[in-house]
N, C-alpha and C. Protein backbone atom coordinates (compact mmCIF):
# COMPACT_ATOMS: atom_id res chain seq x y z
N ALA A 1 175.35 28.48 104.32
CA ALA A 1 176.16 28.65 103.09
C ALA A 1 177.22 29.82 103.42
N ASN A 2 178.23 29.71 102.75
CA ASN A 2 179.44 30.72 102.88
C ASN A 2 179.80 31.09 104.22
N LYS A 3 179.84 29.97 105.04
CA LYS A 3 180.35 30.23 106.41
C LYS A 3 181.68 29.47 106.73
N CYS A 4 182.17 28.70 105.64
CA CYS A 4 183.31 28.08 105.76
C CYS A 4 184.21 28.26 104.47
N GLU A 5 185.42 28.49 104.75
CA GLU A 5 186.28 28.78 103.62
C GLU A 5 187.14 27.60 102.91
N ILE A 6 187.18 26.48 103.83
CA ILE A 6 187.83 25.31 103.49
C ILE A 6 187.39 23.96 104.44
N GLY A 7 187.20 23.01 103.68
CA GLY A 7 186.94 21.70 104.55
C GLY A 7 188.17 20.91 104.36
N MET A 8 188.65 20.68 105.50
CA MET A 8 190.02 19.80 105.48
C MET A 8 189.79 18.42 106.28
N PHE A 9 189.00 17.64 105.99
CA PHE A 9 188.80 16.51 106.77
C PHE A 9 188.29 15.10 106.03
N GLY A 10 189.25 14.95 105.19
CA GLY A 10 189.05 13.62 104.42
C GLY A 10 187.75 13.45 103.70
N VAL A 11 187.46 14.38 102.76
CA VAL A 11 186.19 14.47 102.04
C VAL A 11 186.43 13.77 100.70
N GLY A 12 185.60 12.67 100.50
CA GLY A 12 185.63 11.98 99.25
C GLY A 12 184.99 12.82 98.12
N ALA A 13 185.90 13.10 97.06
CA ALA A 13 185.40 13.89 96.10
C ALA A 13 184.27 13.05 95.10
N SER A 14 183.23 13.53 94.75
CA SER A 14 182.20 12.75 94.02
C SER A 14 181.56 13.77 93.22
N LEU A 15 181.05 13.31 91.99
CA LEU A 15 180.23 14.08 91.25
C LEU A 15 179.19 14.71 91.95
N ARG A 16 178.42 14.01 92.60
CA ARG A 16 177.23 14.60 93.39
C ARG A 16 177.66 15.70 94.30
N ARG A 17 178.78 15.58 95.03
CA ARG A 17 179.19 16.60 95.97
C ARG A 17 179.78 17.75 95.00
N ALA A 18 180.21 17.50 93.94
CA ALA A 18 180.81 18.63 93.18
C ALA A 18 179.80 19.69 92.68
N GLN A 19 178.60 19.23 92.74
CA GLN A 19 177.52 20.11 92.39
C GLN A 19 177.25 21.20 93.35
N ALA A 20 177.80 21.02 94.59
CA ALA A 20 177.59 22.02 95.68
C ALA A 20 179.03 22.76 96.08
N VAL A 21 180.02 22.05 95.83
CA VAL A 21 181.43 22.68 96.32
C VAL A 21 182.24 22.48 95.21
N GLU A 22 183.56 23.06 95.34
CA GLU A 22 184.63 22.73 94.49
C GLU A 22 185.69 22.00 95.18
N PHE A 23 186.20 21.01 94.59
CA PHE A 23 187.40 20.18 95.23
C PHE A 23 188.74 20.57 94.66
N SER A 24 189.67 20.62 95.62
CA SER A 24 191.18 20.73 95.33
C SER A 24 191.56 19.58 94.54
N LYS A 25 192.81 19.69 94.06
CA LYS A 25 193.49 18.45 93.56
C LYS A 25 193.54 17.35 94.63
N PRO A 26 193.48 16.18 94.33
CA PRO A 26 193.48 15.17 95.49
C PRO A 26 194.70 15.07 96.13
N TYR A 27 194.69 14.71 97.44
CA TYR A 27 196.05 14.28 98.12
C TYR A 27 195.99 12.96 98.56
N LEU A 28 194.97 12.26 98.75
CA LEU A 28 194.88 10.71 99.09
C LEU A 28 193.84 10.27 98.06
N ILE A 29 194.17 8.88 97.82
CA ILE A 29 193.18 8.21 97.08
C ILE A 29 192.90 6.82 97.76
N THR A 30 191.66 6.62 98.06
CA THR A 30 191.34 5.47 98.69
C THR A 30 190.30 4.55 97.94
N ASN A 31 190.16 3.48 98.58
CA ASN A 31 189.00 2.38 98.07
C ASN A 31 188.41 2.00 99.25
N ILE A 32 187.41 1.03 99.07
CA ILE A 32 186.63 0.44 100.32
C ILE A 32 187.32 -0.80 100.87
N TYR A 33 187.13 -0.98 102.10
CA TYR A 33 187.67 -2.00 102.87
C TYR A 33 186.59 -2.45 103.79
N ALA A 34 186.61 -3.72 104.34
CA ALA A 34 185.81 -4.32 105.40
C ALA A 34 186.61 -4.34 106.69
N VAL A 35 185.78 -4.13 107.77
CA VAL A 35 186.35 -4.31 109.06
C VAL A 35 185.38 -5.12 109.95
N THR A 36 185.95 -6.16 110.40
CA THR A 36 184.98 -7.02 111.10
C THR A 36 185.68 -7.55 112.50
N ARG A 37 184.93 -8.17 113.42
CA ARG A 37 185.57 -8.76 114.53
C ARG A 37 186.39 -10.08 114.20
N LYS A 38 187.37 -10.24 114.86
CA LYS A 38 188.12 -11.57 114.79
C LYS A 38 187.09 -12.72 115.13
N GLY A 39 187.14 -13.83 114.42
CA GLY A 39 186.14 -14.76 114.62
C GLY A 39 184.75 -14.61 114.06
N SER A 40 184.60 -13.53 113.29
CA SER A 40 183.50 -13.26 112.65
C SER A 40 183.13 -14.16 111.48
N PRO A 41 181.92 -14.38 111.14
CA PRO A 41 181.53 -15.17 109.78
C PRO A 41 182.15 -14.66 108.64
N VAL A 42 182.49 -13.48 108.60
CA VAL A 42 183.07 -12.67 107.45
C VAL A 42 184.60 -12.91 107.55
N LYS A 43 185.08 -13.74 106.77
CA LYS A 43 186.46 -14.13 106.77
C LYS A 43 187.33 -13.63 105.41
N SER A 44 186.51 -13.39 104.44
CA SER A 44 187.13 -13.01 103.25
C SER A 44 186.11 -11.82 102.70
N TRP A 45 186.52 -11.18 101.56
CA TRP A 45 185.63 -10.31 100.92
C TRP A 45 184.56 -10.99 100.35
N ALA A 46 184.57 -12.05 99.81
CA ALA A 46 183.37 -12.90 99.35
C ALA A 46 182.39 -13.12 100.27
N ASP A 47 182.84 -13.14 101.65
CA ASP A 47 181.67 -13.37 102.60
C ASP A 47 180.93 -11.99 102.92
N VAL A 48 181.36 -10.90 102.57
CA VAL A 48 180.76 -9.64 102.77
C VAL A 48 179.25 -9.65 102.30
N ASP A 49 179.07 -10.46 101.03
CA ASP A 49 177.82 -10.43 100.38
C ASP A 49 177.09 -11.80 100.41
N LYS A 50 177.07 -12.41 101.62
CA LYS A 50 176.51 -13.57 101.64
C LYS A 50 175.19 -13.30 102.54
N LYS A 51 174.17 -14.28 102.19
CA LYS A 51 172.99 -14.17 102.86
C LYS A 51 173.09 -14.25 104.45
N GLY A 52 172.37 -13.32 105.03
CA GLY A 52 172.45 -13.27 106.49
C GLY A 52 173.51 -12.48 107.23
N ILE A 53 174.33 -11.87 106.38
CA ILE A 53 175.32 -10.94 106.72
C ILE A 53 174.85 -9.52 106.78
N ARG A 54 175.00 -8.74 107.78
CA ARG A 54 174.67 -7.31 107.88
C ARG A 54 175.89 -6.55 107.88
N ALA A 55 175.87 -5.65 106.71
CA ALA A 55 177.11 -4.61 106.55
C ALA A 55 176.64 -3.27 106.82
N ALA A 56 177.35 -2.67 107.73
CA ALA A 56 177.04 -1.17 108.01
C ALA A 56 177.89 -0.27 107.13
N VAL A 57 177.20 0.98 106.66
CA VAL A 57 177.91 1.98 106.15
C VAL A 57 177.42 3.21 106.83
N SER A 58 178.14 4.32 106.60
CA SER A 58 177.74 5.64 107.31
C SER A 58 176.64 6.22 106.38
N LEU A 59 175.54 6.48 106.78
CA LEU A 59 174.50 7.27 106.24
C LEU A 59 175.00 8.50 105.33
N GLY A 60 174.81 8.70 104.15
CA GLY A 60 175.40 9.81 103.44
C GLY A 60 176.71 9.74 102.97
N SER A 61 177.46 8.71 103.25
CA SER A 61 178.74 8.66 102.83
C SER A 61 178.87 8.29 101.18
N TYR A 62 179.99 8.41 100.64
CA TYR A 62 180.12 8.07 99.33
C TYR A 62 180.05 6.60 99.05
N ILE A 63 180.21 5.87 100.16
CA ILE A 63 180.44 4.34 100.19
C ILE A 63 178.90 3.85 100.04
N GLU A 64 177.92 4.59 100.57
CA GLU A 64 176.64 3.99 100.89
C GLU A 64 176.02 3.71 99.51
N PRO A 65 175.87 4.58 98.53
CA PRO A 65 175.23 4.34 97.01
C PRO A 65 175.89 3.18 96.49
N PHE A 66 177.36 3.05 96.56
CA PHE A 66 178.24 1.96 95.93
C PHE A 66 177.65 0.74 96.58
N MET A 67 177.56 0.54 97.80
CA MET A 67 177.20 -0.76 98.45
C MET A 67 175.77 -0.84 98.08
N LYS A 68 174.97 -0.01 98.01
CA LYS A 68 173.39 -0.51 97.65
C LYS A 68 173.34 -1.06 96.36
N SER A 69 174.24 -0.81 95.41
CA SER A 69 174.22 -1.42 94.14
C SER A 69 175.13 -2.69 94.17
N TYR A 70 176.09 -2.67 95.07
CA TYR A 70 177.02 -3.81 95.04
C TYR A 70 176.54 -4.99 95.59
N LEU A 71 175.72 -4.98 96.88
CA LEU A 71 175.36 -6.07 97.65
C LEU A 71 174.19 -6.58 96.98
N LYS A 72 174.18 -7.84 96.74
CA LYS A 72 173.04 -8.62 96.18
C LYS A 72 172.47 -9.67 97.33
N ASN A 73 173.05 -10.11 98.23
CA ASN A 73 172.60 -10.95 99.24
C ASN A 73 172.63 -10.55 100.72
N ALA A 74 173.76 -9.78 101.02
CA ALA A 74 173.88 -9.36 102.27
C ALA A 74 172.85 -8.05 102.63
N GLU A 75 172.49 -7.86 103.82
CA GLU A 75 171.57 -6.74 104.08
C GLU A 75 172.54 -5.46 104.53
N LEU A 76 172.30 -4.34 103.82
CA LEU A 76 172.92 -3.15 104.00
C LEU A 76 172.26 -2.39 105.06
N VAL A 77 173.18 -1.85 106.17
CA VAL A 77 172.54 -1.14 107.20
C VAL A 77 173.34 0.24 107.27
N SER A 78 172.46 1.51 106.98
CA SER A 78 172.99 2.66 106.88
C SER A 78 172.84 3.42 108.21
N VAL A 79 173.89 3.60 108.93
CA VAL A 79 174.17 4.09 110.23
C VAL A 79 174.09 5.65 110.31
N ALA A 80 173.08 6.32 110.95
CA ALA A 80 172.99 7.62 111.12
C ALA A 80 173.64 8.07 112.54
N PRO A 81 174.28 9.35 112.69
CA PRO A 81 174.70 9.84 113.80
C PRO A 81 173.34 10.06 114.79
N PRO A 82 173.56 9.80 116.08
CA PRO A 82 174.95 9.75 116.77
C PRO A 82 175.23 8.40 116.89
N ASN A 83 174.68 7.42 116.35
CA ASN A 83 175.26 6.11 116.22
C ASN A 83 176.33 5.95 115.26
N SER A 84 177.10 4.97 115.39
CA SER A 84 178.42 4.76 114.37
C SER A 84 178.49 3.44 113.90
N ARG A 85 179.06 3.16 112.80
CA ARG A 85 179.30 1.85 112.27
C ARG A 85 180.04 1.05 113.29
N GLU A 86 181.06 1.60 113.89
CA GLU A 86 181.94 0.86 114.71
C GLU A 86 181.12 0.45 116.11
N GLY A 87 180.27 1.33 116.55
CA GLY A 87 179.36 0.92 117.61
C GLY A 87 178.46 -0.09 117.37
N GLU A 88 177.92 -0.16 116.09
CA GLU A 88 177.09 -1.24 115.63
C GLU A 88 177.78 -2.57 115.62
N LEU A 89 178.99 -2.46 115.23
CA LEU A 89 179.92 -3.69 115.06
C LEU A 89 180.21 -4.32 116.59
N VAL A 90 180.55 -3.34 117.45
CA VAL A 90 180.92 -3.82 118.73
C VAL A 90 179.83 -4.27 119.56
N ALA A 91 178.59 -3.73 119.09
CA ALA A 91 177.33 -4.27 119.85
C ALA A 91 176.67 -5.52 119.25
N ASN A 92 177.47 -5.92 118.23
CA ASN A 92 177.20 -7.26 117.43
C ASN A 92 175.86 -7.06 116.67
N ARG A 93 175.39 -5.82 116.20
CA ARG A 93 174.05 -5.60 115.51
C ARG A 93 174.55 -5.68 114.06
N VAL A 94 175.80 -5.70 113.67
CA VAL A 94 176.18 -5.80 112.26
C VAL A 94 177.35 -6.87 112.23
N ASP A 95 177.67 -7.50 111.27
CA ASP A 95 178.82 -8.43 111.17
C ASP A 95 179.98 -7.75 110.65
N VAL A 96 179.78 -6.48 109.94
CA VAL A 96 181.10 -6.17 109.15
C VAL A 96 180.61 -4.50 108.92
N ILE A 97 181.67 -3.71 108.99
CA ILE A 97 181.49 -2.39 108.49
C ILE A 97 182.22 -2.25 107.16
N ILE A 98 181.76 -1.31 106.32
CA ILE A 98 182.37 -1.00 105.15
C ILE A 98 182.89 0.32 105.19
N THR A 99 184.21 0.70 104.81
CA THR A 99 184.68 1.94 105.18
C THR A 99 185.96 2.20 104.36
N ASP A 100 186.42 3.54 104.49
CA ASP A 100 187.64 3.67 103.77
C ASP A 100 188.94 3.33 104.38
N TYR A 101 190.24 3.37 103.73
CA TYR A 101 191.34 2.97 104.28
C TYR A 101 191.89 3.62 105.52
N PRO A 102 191.69 5.01 105.83
CA PRO A 102 192.13 5.68 106.97
C PRO A 102 191.26 5.13 108.16
N THR A 103 190.02 4.84 107.91
CA THR A 103 189.10 4.36 109.06
C THR A 103 189.43 3.00 109.29
N ALA A 104 189.81 2.15 108.34
CA ALA A 104 190.23 0.73 108.49
C ALA A 104 191.45 0.72 109.41
N ILE A 105 192.40 1.52 108.96
CA ILE A 105 193.65 1.58 109.74
C ILE A 105 193.36 1.93 111.12
N LYS A 106 192.55 3.07 111.43
CA LYS A 106 192.18 3.61 112.74
C LYS A 106 191.52 2.44 113.63
N VAL A 107 190.48 1.89 113.13
CA VAL A 107 189.81 0.85 114.00
C VAL A 107 190.60 -0.29 114.33
N THR A 108 191.46 -0.83 113.43
CA THR A 108 192.29 -2.04 113.72
C THR A 108 193.32 -1.64 114.73
N ASP A 109 193.77 -0.24 114.55
CA ASP A 109 194.82 0.11 115.51
C ASP A 109 194.40 0.36 117.02
N GLU A 110 193.05 0.79 116.94
CA GLU A 110 192.47 0.93 118.38
C GLU A 110 191.99 -0.19 119.15
N PHE A 111 191.50 -1.06 118.36
CA PHE A 111 190.75 -2.24 118.97
C PHE A 111 191.34 -3.58 118.59
N ASP A 112 191.78 -4.36 119.53
CA ASP A 112 192.42 -5.52 119.32
C ASP A 112 191.50 -6.68 118.70
N TRP A 113 190.25 -6.41 118.71
CA TRP A 113 189.08 -7.50 118.28
C TRP A 113 189.00 -7.25 116.82
N ALA A 114 189.41 -6.10 116.19
CA ALA A 114 189.06 -5.81 114.59
C ALA A 114 190.22 -6.31 113.84
N GLN A 115 189.63 -6.58 112.52
CA GLN A 115 190.49 -6.98 111.70
C GLN A 115 190.11 -6.59 110.26
N THR A 116 190.78 -6.07 109.23
CA THR A 116 190.52 -5.45 108.04
C THR A 116 190.53 -6.60 107.01
N ILE A 117 189.60 -6.46 106.10
CA ILE A 117 189.42 -7.49 105.01
C ILE A 117 189.61 -6.48 103.76
N VAL A 118 190.60 -6.88 102.71
CA VAL A 118 190.77 -6.13 101.74
C VAL A 118 190.13 -6.89 100.68
N PRO A 119 189.39 -6.11 99.73
CA PRO A 119 188.74 -6.53 98.72
C PRO A 119 189.64 -7.20 97.50
N ASP A 120 189.17 -8.16 96.84
CA ASP A 120 189.95 -8.74 95.67
C ASP A 120 190.52 -7.82 94.60
N GLN A 121 189.61 -6.74 94.40
CA GLN A 121 190.06 -5.78 93.55
C GLN A 121 189.55 -4.36 94.20
N LYS A 122 190.16 -3.44 93.71
CA LYS A 122 189.84 -2.08 94.26
C LYS A 122 188.54 -1.61 93.80
N LEU A 123 187.64 -1.13 94.89
CA LEU A 123 186.24 -0.95 94.50
C LEU A 123 186.03 0.61 95.02
N ALA A 124 185.12 1.31 94.32
CA ALA A 124 184.75 2.51 94.83
C ALA A 124 186.06 3.47 94.93
N ILE A 125 186.90 3.45 94.02
CA ILE A 125 188.16 4.28 94.27
C ILE A 125 187.80 5.82 94.17
N THR A 126 188.22 6.41 95.15
CA THR A 126 187.71 7.74 95.51
C THR A 126 188.94 8.54 95.92
N PRO A 127 189.13 9.81 95.32
CA PRO A 127 190.19 10.81 95.80
C PRO A 127 189.66 11.73 96.92
N TYR A 128 190.52 11.90 97.70
CA TYR A 128 190.20 12.86 98.77
C TYR A 128 190.69 14.11 98.51
N ALA A 129 190.01 15.24 98.81
CA ALA A 129 190.45 16.51 98.40
C ALA A 129 189.91 17.42 99.39
N TYR A 130 190.42 18.64 99.58
CA TYR A 130 189.91 19.64 100.14
C TYR A 130 188.83 20.27 99.58
N VAL A 131 187.83 20.99 100.34
CA VAL A 131 186.55 21.41 99.80
C VAL A 131 186.66 22.92 99.84
N VAL A 132 186.31 23.71 98.97
CA VAL A 132 186.12 25.12 99.04
C VAL A 132 184.70 25.56 98.35
N PRO A 133 184.19 26.74 98.80
CA PRO A 133 183.00 27.35 98.18
C PRO A 133 183.31 27.52 96.66
N GLN A 134 182.24 27.22 96.06
CA GLN A 134 182.07 27.52 94.46
C GLN A 134 182.39 28.95 94.25
N GLY A 135 183.22 29.06 93.09
CA GLY A 135 183.29 30.50 92.60
C GLY A 135 184.47 31.28 93.04
N ASP A 136 185.38 30.83 93.79
CA ASP A 136 186.72 31.46 94.28
C ASP A 136 187.81 30.80 93.66
N GLN A 137 188.01 31.14 92.33
CA GLN A 137 189.17 30.36 91.69
C GLN A 137 190.46 30.85 92.32
N ILE A 138 190.60 31.95 92.76
CA ILE A 138 191.90 32.46 93.28
C ILE A 138 192.21 31.48 94.60
N TRP A 139 191.22 31.45 95.47
CA TRP A 139 191.39 30.50 96.68
C TRP A 139 191.79 28.99 96.11
N LEU A 140 191.09 28.62 95.47
CA LEU A 140 191.33 27.32 94.90
C LEU A 140 192.77 26.98 94.19
N ASN A 141 193.14 27.94 93.55
CA ASN A 141 194.47 28.01 92.97
C ASN A 141 195.45 27.94 94.06
N TYR A 142 195.12 28.79 95.06
CA TYR A 142 196.19 28.66 96.24
C TYR A 142 196.25 27.42 96.98
N ILE A 143 195.15 26.57 97.08
CA ILE A 143 194.95 25.49 97.72
C ILE A 143 195.63 24.37 97.00
N ASN A 144 195.54 24.42 95.56
CA ASN A 144 196.04 23.43 94.71
C ASN A 144 197.60 23.66 94.69
N LEU A 145 197.96 24.79 94.72
CA LEU A 145 199.58 25.13 94.65
C LEU A 145 200.21 24.59 96.18
N PHE A 146 199.42 24.75 97.28
CA PHE A 146 199.89 24.07 98.52
C PHE A 146 199.88 22.55 98.35
N ILE A 147 198.91 22.11 97.87
CA ILE A 147 199.11 20.37 97.55
C ILE A 147 200.07 20.07 96.68
N ASP A 148 200.46 20.78 95.59
CA ASP A 148 201.43 20.48 94.79
C ASP A 148 202.89 20.69 95.45
N THR A 149 202.90 21.72 96.33
CA THR A 149 204.15 21.96 97.01
C THR A 149 204.45 20.92 98.19
N ILE A 150 203.48 20.41 98.81
CA ILE A 150 203.79 19.55 99.91
C ILE A 150 204.07 18.08 99.27
N LYS A 151 203.46 17.90 98.03
CA LYS A 151 203.77 16.62 97.20
C LYS A 151 205.18 16.78 96.90
N LEU A 152 205.71 17.83 96.34
CA LEU A 152 207.00 17.82 95.70
C LEU A 152 208.10 17.81 96.75
N ASP A 153 207.88 18.65 98.00
CA ASP A 153 208.87 18.64 98.98
C ASP A 153 208.81 17.49 100.01
N GLY A 154 208.01 16.54 99.74
CA GLY A 154 208.06 15.45 100.64
C GLY A 154 206.96 15.52 101.91
N ARG A 155 206.53 16.66 102.17
CA ARG A 155 205.86 16.66 103.55
C ARG A 155 204.52 15.89 103.60
N LEU A 156 203.86 15.71 102.33
CA LEU A 156 202.69 15.02 102.35
C LEU A 156 202.92 13.45 102.54
N GLN A 157 204.05 13.07 101.75
CA GLN A 157 204.39 11.63 101.98
C GLN A 157 204.88 11.40 103.44
N LYS A 158 205.69 12.40 103.91
CA LYS A 158 206.37 12.17 105.31
C LYS A 158 204.97 11.91 106.41
N PHE A 159 204.13 13.09 106.38
CA PHE A 159 203.20 12.99 107.30
C PHE A 159 202.16 11.84 107.09
N ALA A 160 201.85 11.52 105.93
CA ALA A 160 200.95 10.56 105.63
C ALA A 160 201.62 9.12 106.25
N GLU A 161 202.85 8.98 106.03
CA GLU A 161 203.46 7.61 106.56
C GLU A 161 203.32 7.66 108.06
N LYS A 162 203.51 8.81 108.53
CA LYS A 162 203.64 9.00 110.24
C LYS A 162 202.27 8.53 110.58
N ASN A 163 201.29 8.76 109.96
CA ASN A 163 199.72 8.47 110.23
C ASN A 163 199.29 7.23 109.55
N LYS A 164 200.27 6.28 109.02
CA LYS A 164 200.07 5.10 108.42
C LYS A 164 199.09 5.31 106.90
N LEU A 165 199.22 6.37 106.34
CA LEU A 165 198.37 6.67 105.27
C LEU A 165 199.21 6.59 103.95
N GLY A 166 200.55 6.33 104.07
CA GLY A 166 201.60 6.21 102.94
C GLY A 166 201.13 5.54 101.74
N PRO A 167 200.35 4.46 101.91
CA PRO A 167 200.02 3.64 100.63
C PRO A 167 198.82 4.33 99.87
N ILE A 168 198.07 5.39 100.38
CA ILE A 168 197.15 6.05 99.58
C ILE A 168 197.46 7.38 99.14
N VAL A 169 198.67 7.98 99.35
CA VAL A 169 198.97 9.22 98.91
C VAL A 169 198.89 9.36 97.41
N ALA A 170 198.10 10.39 96.91
CA ALA A 170 197.81 10.57 95.59
C ALA A 170 199.14 11.01 94.81
N PRO A 171 199.32 10.40 93.60
CA PRO A 171 200.55 10.70 92.93
C PRO A 171 200.61 12.28 92.42
């Protein structure tokens, strides 16, 4: 505790997490996506929840509790480090990974065998924000002013687009 002044690594803001840290204003807003192998039995979002399908999430992610309640037929596999969802998919131990937009873009850019499946509706909409320790309102105000400034002067949009994240920039 009290060893870090800011977390800047795509943290999904959730009510559970807000009990331990403070969140800045959001800079990105994502929802969940599926990534699978080309030729997989998962061809559409409806296939994600079919009997016999194994869907992987990262253990402890904000996506995990959502998918636990969402899936009725498929098997949810919570993957703990040092293993990764992507590694489980490559090894054919799961049929699909459930992830956020940035990871879906990264995986499909890095691997020619990967394809993204977009849900029919936005699910588990989650703001991404910086994380700061509780109780330092001055520091949080400074971070929020930084976010407002880079939104207004276009830097956030410019760098988000450079990294293929333009569609999820927070308003």
